[in-house]
C-alpha atoms as a PDB file:
ATOM      1  CA  UNK A   1     185.652 -22.722 -61.025  1.00  0.00           C
ATOM      2  CA  UNK A   2     182.214 -22.946 -59.456  1.00  0.00           C
ATOM      3  CA  UNK A   3     182.566 -24.898 -56.249  1.00  0.00           C
ATOM      4  CA  UNK A   4     178.844 -25.139 -55.413  1.00  0.00           C
ATOM      5  CA  UNK A   5     177.963 -26.755 -58.726  1.00  0.00           C
ATOM      6  CA  UNK A   6     181.281 -28.559 -59.261  1.00  0.00           C
ATOM      7  CA  UNK A   7     181.567 -26.953 -62.632  1.00  0.00           C
ATOM      8  CA  UNK A   8     183.786 -24.721 -64.675  1.00  0.00           C
ATOM      9  CA  UNK A   9     182.304 -21.673 -66.317  1.00  0.00           C
ATOM     10  CA  UNK A  10     183.704 -20.500 -69.617  1.00  0.00           C
ATOM     11  CA  UNK A  11     182.262 -17.093 -70.231  1.00  0.00           C
ATOM     12  CA  UNK A  12     182.394 -13.681 -71.757  1.00  0.00           C
ATOM     13  CA  UNK A  13     181.300 -11.120 -69.168  1.00  0.00           C
ATOM     14  CA  UNK A  14     180.172  -7.563 -69.871  1.00  0.00           C
ATOM     15  CA  UNK A  15     180.631  -5.616 -66.656  1.00  0.00           C
ATOM     16  CA  UNK A  16     180.895  -2.060 -67.908  1.00  0.00           C
ATOM     17  CA  UNK A  17     178.274   0.646 -68.112  1.00  0.00           C
ATOM     18  CA  UNK A  18     174.775  -0.782 -68.112  1.00  0.00           C
ATOM     19  CA  UNK A  19     173.729   0.755 -71.444  1.00  0.00           C
ATOM     20  CA  UNK A  20     176.844  -0.535 -73.169  1.00  0.00           C
ATOM     21  CA  UNK A  21     176.352  -4.011 -71.704  1.00  0.00           C
ATOM     22  CA  UNK A  22     172.751  -4.026 -72.932  1.00  0.00           C
ATOM     23  CA  UNK A  23     173.875  -3.047 -76.433  1.00  0.00           C
ATOM     24  CA  UNK A  24     176.356  -5.941 -76.492  1.00  0.00           C
ATOM     25  CA  UNK A  25     173.600  -8.277 -75.295  1.00  0.00           C
ATOM     26  CA  UNK A  26     171.324  -7.111 -78.131  1.00  0.00           C
ATOM     27  CA  UNK A  27     174.039  -7.751 -80.707  1.00  0.00           C
ATOM     28  CA  UNK A  28     174.819 -11.186 -79.284  1.00  0.00           C
ATOM     29  CA  UNK A  29     171.116 -12.093 -79.052  1.00  0.00           C
ATOM     30  CA  UNK A  30     170.754 -11.421 -82.799  1.00  0.00           C
ATOM     31  CA  UNK A  31     173.518 -13.979 -83.406  1.00  0.00           C
ATOM     32  CA  UNK A  32     172.761 -16.448 -80.625  1.00  0.00           C
ATOM     33  CA  UNK A  33     171.602 -19.261 -82.904  1.00  0.00           C
ATOM     34  CA  UNK A  34     174.883 -19.063 -84.835  1.00  0.00           C
ATOM     35  CA  UNK A  35     176.896 -18.826 -81.636  1.00  0.00           C
ATOM     36  CA  UNK A  36     175.154 -21.887 -80.234  1.00  0.00           C
ATOM     37  CA  UNK A  37     175.741 -23.769 -83.478  1.00  0.00           C
ATOM     38  CA  UNK A  38     179.473 -23.228 -82.936  1.00  0.00           C
ATOM     39  CA  UNK A  39     179.697 -23.577 -79.142  1.00  0.00           C
ATOM     40  CA  UNK A  40     176.781 -25.913 -78.505  1.00  0.00           C
ATOM     41  CA  UNK A  41     173.243 -25.516 -77.221  1.00  0.00           C
ATOM     42  CA  UNK A  42     174.351 -25.001 -73.626  1.00  0.00           C
ATOM     43  CA  UNK A  43     175.843 -21.592 -74.421  1.00  0.00           C
ATOM     44  CA  UNK A  44     173.581 -19.120 -72.664  1.00  0.00           C
ATOM     45  CA  UNK A  45     173.198 -15.348 -72.866  1.00  0.00           C
ATOM     46  CA  UNK A  46     171.792 -13.871 -69.685  1.00  0.00           C
ATOM     47  CA  UNK A  47     171.458 -10.905 -67.405  1.00  0.00           C
ATOM     48  CA  UNK A  48     173.908 -11.872 -64.671  1.00  0.00           C
ATOM     49  CA  UNK A  49     173.538  -9.023 -62.202  1.00  0.00           C
ATOM     50  CA  UNK A  50     171.546  -5.812 -62.352  1.00  0.00           C
ATOM     51  CA  UNK A  51     174.148  -4.289 -64.671  1.00  0.00           C
ATOM     52  CA  UNK A  52     176.170  -7.233 -66.002  1.00  0.00           C
ATOM     53  CA  UNK A  53     175.520  -9.522 -68.951  1.00  0.00           C
ATOM     54  CA  UNK A  54     177.280 -12.780 -69.722  1.00  0.00           C
ATOM     55  CA  UNK A  55     177.502 -15.318 -72.492  1.00  0.00           C
ATOM     56  CA  UNK A  56     178.633 -18.534 -70.857  1.00  0.00           C
ATOM     57  CA  UNK A  57     178.673 -22.291 -70.630  1.00  0.00           C
ATOM     58  CA  UNK A  58     178.912 -24.462 -67.539  1.00  0.00           C
ATOM     59  CA  UNK A  59     180.953 -27.656 -67.769  1.00  0.00           C
ATOM     60  CA  UNK A  60     180.213 -30.128 -65.004  1.00  0.00           C
ATOM     61  CA  UNK A  61     183.363 -31.795 -63.711  1.00  0.00           C
ATOM     62  CA  UNK A  62     183.424 -35.476 -62.810  1.00  0.00           C
ATOM     63  CA  UNK A  63     183.956 -36.271 -59.154  1.00  0.00           C
ATOM     64  CA  UNK A  64     187.407 -37.802 -59.808  1.00  0.00           C
ATOM     65  CA  UNK A  65     188.604 -34.681 -61.622  1.00  0.00           C
ATOM     66  CA  UNK A  66     187.313 -32.132 -59.090  1.00  0.00           C
ATOM     67  CA  UNK A  67     190.321 -30.609 -57.356  1.00  0.00           C
ATOM     68  CA  UNK A  68     189.394 -26.951 -56.890  1.00  0.00           C
ATOM     69  CA  UNK A  69     192.426 -26.163 -54.734  1.00  0.00           C
ATOM     70  CA  UNK A  70     194.815 -27.180 -57.536  1.00  0.00           C
ATOM     71  CA  UNK A  71     195.367 -25.842 -61.001  1.00  0.00           C
ATOM     72  CA  UNK A  72     193.402 -27.418 -63.805  1.00  0.00           C
ATOM     73  CA  UNK A  73     195.011 -30.514 -65.229  1.00  0.00           C
ATOM     74  CA  UNK A  74     195.962 -30.294 -68.886  1.00  0.00           C
ATOM     75  CA  UNK A  75     193.415 -32.987 -69.699  1.00  0.00           C
ATOM     76  CA  UNK A  76     190.547 -31.184 -67.979  1.00  0.00           C
ATOM     77  CA  UNK A  77     191.470 -27.808 -69.485  1.00  0.00           C
ATOM     78  CA  UNK A  78     191.623 -29.405 -72.933  1.00  0.00           C
ATOM     79  CA  UNK A  79     188.218 -31.069 -72.502  1.00  0.00           C
ATOM     80  CA  UNK A  80     186.566 -27.840 -71.340  1.00  0.00           C
ATOM     81  CA  UNK A  81     188.201 -25.814 -74.119  1.00  0.00           C
END
């Protein structure tokens, strides 16, 4: 849950050794078009921190559904999934 942006991030994070993370990023970058064709064009591969890489999507949550102090509702979890 990203409170500042009122969104939910679904992501695959690589937070290991920098060289290993970079290798994963290279492999994913080679397949990014195919990945985006399955997940959608908002799937993004990026350098997240100095050492970390992530492949992620942000799903903006409607005002009525935003309840960050509670668990996700089944409906919202299903929509994001």
